[in-house]
């Protein structure tokens, strides 16, 4: 283990895993609370076009993925906000068009190959470069800054959009901010877990945390801890065995944590309800006297 820490590739992969483990659940808390759990999956489809566009134009795929993902996230939010019956169909067309466009552009791009495409679809954390870390780090700082600065307003929006509007909050701006932040998170995570699995890391740690916590802040903090544990655990599993894909290992570890938290949460809630049923009548008598 200590020998691995001296290797630059492992150091870069570890930094990427930590950043993803922190950012994905932080943004995912707002997405889950707003019942948009599949938003990350949709943006991931669109981001693939950005990756392929980077190979086609000879620019950095991460940067082009940021641009296309942000544009796609804004389009998704605008379509969703229209609230019409055809909204789901329009979103589906956007998702499928994104992944189809990415496959097509990658096929005609100079140096494009299925291997490179798979590294973005399913993650290739071992191939993270120092330049990728700088970009991922900058995006991670932006995501955490949004959570810290607008966290209270975003919480009100996610709880009740009508209440947020009545309180004078800029609902449209905040909705777009969540979508854009989710897009940045997808780009951050695509080299670690892949575009097809990034939504899982945004949702599963939050669902796990909800089994054990009640408050919004506690849920987010615990989800971030679970996200880091899953990311680092998946990285270590893929390092010990080269046959274990890191993205799949991260998601499976996160799912195992959810199953464990589900069992623990049921046990805790059952014990709490039993205690309240015993103590409750006594408390009511004391209050009356």
Protein backbone atom coordinates (compact mmCIF):
# COMPACT_ATOMS: atom_id res chain seq x y z
CA UNK A 1 0.00 0.00 0.00
CA UNK A 2 2.76 2.44 0.93
CA UNK A 3 4.60 1.55 -2.26
CA UNK A 4 1.50 2.48 -4.26
CA UNK A 5 1.37 5.90 -2.60
CA UNK A 6 4.81 6.66 -4.08
CA UNK A 7 3.60 6.05 -7.64
CA UNK A 8 2.38 9.12 -9.48
CA UNK A 9 -0.39 7.30 -11.36
CA UNK A 10 -1.90 6.06 -8.09
CA UNK A 11 -1.57 9.51 -6.53
CA UNK A 12 -3.42 11.12 -9.44
CA UNK A 13 -6.10 8.44 -9.36
CA UNK A 14 -6.52 8.86 -5.60
CA UNK A 15 -6.96 12.63 -5.90
CA UNK A 16 -9.52 12.15 -8.67
CA UNK A 17 -11.42 9.58 -6.59
CA UNK A 18 -11.51 11.90 -3.57
CA UNK A 19 -12.77 14.84 -5.60
CA UNK A 20 -15.48 12.77 -7.26
CA UNK A 21 -16.47 11.16 -3.97
CA UNK A 22 -17.01 14.60 -2.45
CA UNK A 23 -18.69 16.43 -5.33
CA UNK A 24 -21.06 13.83 -6.73
CA UNK A 25 -23.06 13.19 -3.52
CA UNK A 26 -23.05 16.91 -2.62
CA UNK A 27 -24.85 17.79 -5.85
CA UNK A 28 -26.79 14.54 -5.79
CA UNK A 29 -28.42 15.55 -2.49
CA UNK A 30 -30.21 18.42 -4.22
CA UNK A 31 -31.06 16.31 -7.25
CA UNK A 32 -32.54 13.48 -5.19
CA UNK A 33 -34.46 15.93 -3.01
CA UNK A 34 -35.96 17.45 -6.14
CA UNK A 35 -36.83 14.04 -7.59
CA UNK A 36 -34.48 14.40 -10.55
CA UNK A 37 -32.39 11.32 -9.85
CA UNK A 38 -31.87 10.55 -13.54
CA UNK A 39 -30.67 14.05 -14.43
CA UNK A 40 -27.04 13.00 -14.14
CA UNK A 41 -27.63 10.05 -16.43
CA UNK A 42 -29.17 12.30 -19.08
CA UNK A 43 -26.35 14.81 -18.88
CA UNK A 44 -23.88 11.95 -19.15
CA UNK A 45 -25.39 10.97 -22.48
CA UNK A 46 -25.04 14.53 -23.74
CA UNK A 47 -21.49 14.84 -22.40
CA UNK A 48 -20.40 11.99 -24.66
CA UNK A 49 -20.95 14.26 -27.65
CA UNK A 50 -18.66 16.81 -26.01
CA UNK A 51 -15.96 14.20 -25.49
CA UNK A 52 -16.14 13.09 -29.12
CA UNK A 53 -16.14 16.72 -30.26
CA UNK A 54 -12.85 17.20 -28.43
CA UNK A 55 -11.26 14.31 -30.33
CA UNK A 56 -12.71 15.60 -33.60
CA UNK A 57 -11.37 19.13 -33.15
CA UNK A 58 -8.09 18.13 -31.52
CA UNK A 59 -8.86 19.95 -28.26
CA UNK A 60 -9.07 18.68 -24.70
CA UNK A 61 -12.09 16.34 -24.42
CA UNK A 62 -12.72 17.41 -20.82
CA UNK A 63 -13.11 21.06 -21.80
CA UNK A 64 -15.41 20.36 -24.74
CA UNK A 65 -17.39 18.02 -22.51
CA UNK A 66 -17.87 20.88 -20.03
CA UNK A 67 -19.24 23.18 -22.73
CA UNK A 68 -21.58 20.63 -24.28
CA UNK A 69 -22.72 19.34 -20.87
CA UNK A 70 -23.59 22.83 -19.64
CA UNK A 71 -25.52 23.60 -22.82
CA UNK A 72 -27.29 20.25 -22.58
CA UNK A 73 -28.10 20.78 -18.89
CA UNK A 74 -29.64 24.17 -19.61
CA UNK A 75 -31.68 22.67 -22.45
CA UNK A 76 -32.85 19.83 -20.19
CA UNK A 77 -33.94 22.24 -17.46
CA UNK A 78 -35.77 24.51 -19.91
CA UNK A 79 -37.62 21.56 -21.41
CA UNK A 80 -38.45 20.21 -17.95
CA UNK A 81 -39.70 23.60 -16.77
CA UNK A 82 -42.21 23.79 -19.61
CA UNK A 83 -44.20 21.04 -17.89
CA UNK A 84 -45.95 19.83 -20.99
CA UNK A 85 -46.90 16.26 -21.75
CA UNK A 86 -44.31 16.10 -24.51
CA UNK A 87 -41.53 17.06 -22.08
CA UNK A 88 -40.49 13.47 -21.36
CA UNK A 89 -40.35 12.69 -25.06
CA UNK A 90 -38.24 15.78 -25.73
CA UNK A 91 -35.82 14.83 -22.97
CA UNK A 92 -35.57 11.27 -24.28
CA UNK A 93 -34.75 12.59 -27.75
CA UNK A 94 -32.06 14.81 -26.27
CA UNK A 95 -30.53 11.95 -24.26
CA UNK A 96 -30.46 9.45 -27.12
CA UNK A 97 -29.31 12.08 -29.59
CA UNK A 98 -26.41 12.91 -27.27
CA UNK A 99 -25.07 9.39 -27.03
CA UNK A 100 -25.67 8.68 -30.72
CA UNK A 101 -23.92 11.90 -31.69
CA UNK A 102 -20.98 10.99 -29.49
CA UNK A 103 -20.59 7.56 -31.06
CA UNK A 104 -20.84 9.03 -34.56
CA UNK A 105 -18.34 11.85 -33.96
CA UNK A 106 -15.90 9.45 -32.28
CA UNK A 107 -16.05 7.16 -35.32
CA UNK A 108 -15.02 9.95 -37.71
CA UNK A 109 -12.59 11.72 -35.37
CA UNK A 110 -8.85 11.35 -36.10
CA UNK A 111 -7.45 8.85 -33.65
CA UNK A 112 -10.90 7.97 -32.35
CA UNK A 113 -11.43 4.36 -31.30
CA UNK A 114 -13.78 2.18 -29.31
CA UNK A 115 -11.13 1.85 -26.59
CA UNK A 116 -11.07 5.61 -26.05
CA UNK A 117 -14.84 5.73 -26.16
CA UNK A 118 -15.11 2.99 -23.53
CA UNK A 119 -12.67 4.82 -21.24
CA UNK A 120 -15.16 7.67 -21.03
CA UNK A 121 -18.27 5.51 -20.98
CA UNK A 122 -17.08 3.24 -18.18
CA UNK A 123 -14.23 5.21 -16.64
CA UNK A 124 -10.46 4.85 -16.80
CA UNK A 125 -9.15 6.29 -13.57
CA UNK A 126 -5.70 4.81 -14.13
CA UNK A 127 -5.25 7.01 -17.21
CA UNK A 128 -5.86 10.32 -15.41
CA UNK A 129 -3.13 12.84 -16.23
CA UNK A 130 -1.86 15.85 -14.25
CA UNK A 131 -3.66 18.12 -16.73
CA UNK A 132 -6.91 16.25 -16.04
CA UNK A 133 -6.39 16.73 -12.30
CA UNK A 134 -6.03 20.49 -12.72
CA UNK A 135 -9.25 20.67 -14.71
CA UNK A 136 -11.10 18.30 -12.37
CA UNK A 137 -9.82 20.22 -9.35
CA UNK A 138 -10.99 23.56 -10.75
CA UNK A 139 -14.42 22.13 -11.55
CA UNK A 140 -14.63 20.55 -8.08
CA UNK A 141 -13.86 23.90 -6.43
CA UNK A 142 -16.62 25.51 -8.51
CA UNK A 143 -19.13 22.79 -7.51
CA UNK A 144 -18.31 23.01 -3.79
CA UNK A 145 -18.44 26.82 -3.97
CA UNK A 146 -21.96 26.67 -5.40
CA UNK A 147 -23.06 24.30 -2.64
CA UNK A 148 -21.58 26.51 0.08
CA UNK A 149 -22.80 29.85 -1.30
CA UNK A 150 -26.28 28.88 -2.53
CA UNK A 151 -26.93 25.86 -0.30
CA UNK A 152 -29.73 27.45 1.72
CA UNK A 153 -31.56 28.82 -1.33
CA UNK A 154 -31.19 25.53 -3.18
CA UNK A 155 -32.56 23.68 -0.15
CA UNK A 156 -35.69 25.85 -0.12
CA UNK A 157 -36.13 25.31 -3.86
CA UNK A 158 -35.78 21.55 -3.54
CA UNK A 159 -38.23 21.41 -0.66
CA UNK A 160 -41.02 23.42 -2.29
CA UNK A 161 -40.67 25.33 -5.54
CA UNK A 162 -43.85 27.32 -4.95
CA UNK A 163 -42.64 28.37 -1.49
CA UNK A 164 -39.32 29.42 -2.98
CA UNK A 165 -41.13 31.51 -5.58
CA UNK A 166 -43.37 33.08 -2.94
CA UNK A 167 -40.28 33.91 -0.86
CA UNK A 168 -38.88 35.94 -3.73
CA UNK A 169 -36.10 33.55 -4.66
CA UNK A 170 -34.97 33.47 -8.31
CA UNK A 171 -36.42 30.03 -9.02
CA UNK A 172 -35.42 29.88 -12.69
CA UNK A 173 -31.84 30.92 -11.93
CA UNK A 174 -31.52 28.42 -9.07
CA UNK A 175 -33.00 25.63 -11.19
CA UNK A 176 -30.49 26.34 -13.94
CA UNK A 177 -27.73 26.52 -11.33
CA UNK A 178 -28.54 23.01 -10.13
CA UNK A 179 -28.55 21.72 -13.70
CA UNK A 180 -25.24 23.39 -14.58
CA UNK A 181 -23.62 22.20 -11.34
CA UNK A 182 -24.80 18.68 -12.12
CA UNK A 183 -23.23 19.00 -15.57
CA UNK A 184 -19.89 20.00 -14.06
CA UNK A 185 -20.10 17.07 -11.66
CA UNK A 186 -20.71 14.66 -14.53
CA UNK A 187 -17.56 15.89 -16.26
CA UNK A 188 -15.60 15.60 -13.02
CA UNK A 189 -16.69 12.00 -12.55
CA UNK A 190 -16.53 10.70 -16.11
CA UNK A 191 -12.86 9.68 -15.92
CA UNK A 192 -13.46 7.87 -12.62
CA UNK A 193 -16.76 5.99 -12.95
CA UNK A 194 -17.68 6.71 -16.56
CA UNK A 195 -20.55 8.61 -18.14
CA UNK A 196 -22.91 5.63 -17.95
CA UNK A 197 -22.36 5.13 -14.21
CA UNK A 198 -21.88 8.69 -12.98
CA UNK A 199 -25.52 9.08 -12.00
CA UNK A 200 -25.17 6.13 -9.62
CA UNK A 201 -22.48 7.91 -7.60
CA UNK A 202 -24.69 11.00 -7.42
CA UNK A 203 -27.72 9.07 -6.16
CA UNK A 204 -26.68 5.93 -4.24
CA UNK A 205 -24.64 7.63 -1.46
CA UNK A 206 -27.53 10.05 -0.89
CA UNK A 207 -30.05 7.20 -0.72
CA UNK A 208 -27.71 5.42 1.69
CA UNK A 209 -27.42 8.47 3.90
CA UNK A 210 -31.18 8.94 3.98
CA UNK A 211 -31.51 5.56 5.69
CA UNK A 212 -29.44 6.77 8.64
CA UNK A 213 -29.99 10.52 8.96
CA UNK A 214 -32.86 12.98 9.11
CA UNK A 215 -31.62 16.56 8.60
CA UNK A 216 -30.64 17.89 5.18
CA UNK A 217 -27.13 18.91 6.22
CA UNK A 218 -26.52 15.61 7.99
CA UNK A 219 -27.73 13.75 4.90
CA UNK A 220 -25.36 15.66 2.63
CA UNK A 221 -22.36 15.30 4.94
CA UNK A 222 -22.92 11.58 5.43
CA UNK A 223 -23.50 11.08 1.70
CA UNK A 224 -20.16 12.74 0.97
CA UNK A 225 -18.45 10.39 3.42
CA UNK A 226 -20.07 7.39 1.74
CA UNK A 227 -19.10 8.77 -1.66
CA UNK A 228 -15.44 9.06 -0.68
CA UNK A 229 -15.42 5.57 0.85
CA UNK A 230 -16.97 4.05 -2.28
CA UNK A 231 -14.62 5.92 -4.65
CA UNK A 232 -11.45 5.09 -2.74
CA UNK A 233 -12.63 1.51 -2.11
CA UNK A 234 -13.32 0.97 -5.80
CA UNK A 235 -9.92 2.41 -6.69
CA UNK A 236 -8.17 0.07 -4.26
CA UNK A 237 -10.15 -2.91 -5.55
CA UNK A 238 -9.13 -2.14 -9.14
CA UNK A 239 -5.53 -1.64 -8.04
CA UNK A 240 -5.32 -4.97 -6.24
CA UNK A 241 -6.90 -6.80 -9.19
CA UNK A 242 -6.40 -5.43 -12.69
CA UNK A 243 -9.43 -7.44 -13.84
CA UNK A 244 -11.78 -5.34 -11.69
CA UNK A 245 -13.08 -2.25 -13.56
CA UNK A 246 -12.80 0.75 -11.22
CA UNK A 247 -16.10 2.35 -12.21
CA UNK A 248 -18.09 -0.83 -11.67
CA UNK A 249 -16.26 -1.54 -8.40
CA UNK A 250 -17.11 1.95 -7.07
CA UNK A 251 -20.80 1.58 -7.89
CA UNK A 252 -21.03 -1.95 -6.46
CA UNK A 253 -19.36 -0.85 -3.23
CA UNK A 254 -21.81 2.05 -3.02
CA UNK A 255 -24.71 -0.39 -3.54
CA UNK A 256 -23.35 -2.69 -0.84
CA UNK A 257 -23.24 0.29 1.51
CA UNK A 258 -26.86 1.09 0.68
CA UNK A 259 -27.99 -2.47 1.47
CA UNK A 260 -26.11 -2.39 4.78
CA UNK A 261 -27.53 1.04 5.68
CA UNK A 262 -31.02 -0.15 4.77
CA UNK A 263 -30.75 -3.02 7.24
CA UNK A 264 -29.23 -0.85 9.96
CA UNK A 265 -31.79 1.89 9.38
CA UNK A 266 -34.70 -0.52 9.77
CA UNK A 267 -33.22 -1.87 13.00
CA UNK A 268 -32.70 1.63 14.42
CA UNK A 269 -36.18 2.80 13.44
CA UNK A 270 -37.75 -0.31 14.94
CA UNK A 271 -35.89 0.21 18.20
CA UNK A 272 -36.86 3.89 18.27
CA UNK A 273 -40.54 3.12 17.67
CA UNK A 274 -40.52 0.46 20.42
CA UNK A 275 -38.96 2.91 22.85
CA UNK A 276 -41.46 5.63 22.00
CA UNK A 277 -44.36 3.21 22.46
CA UNK A 278 -43.10 2.41 25.97
CA UNK A 279 -42.16 5.95 27.01
CA UNK A 280 -44.93 7.84 25.24
CA UNK A 281 -47.84 7.21 27.67
CA UNK A 282 -45.68 8.06 30.70
CA UNK A 283 -44.60 11.32 29.09
CA UNK A 284 -48.19 12.29 28.39
CA UNK A 285 -49.23 11.57 32.01
CA UNK A 286 -46.37 13.69 33.36
CA UNK A 287 -47.34 16.56 31.05
CA UNK A 288 -50.92 16.44 32.24
CA UNK A 289 -49.94 16.41 35.92
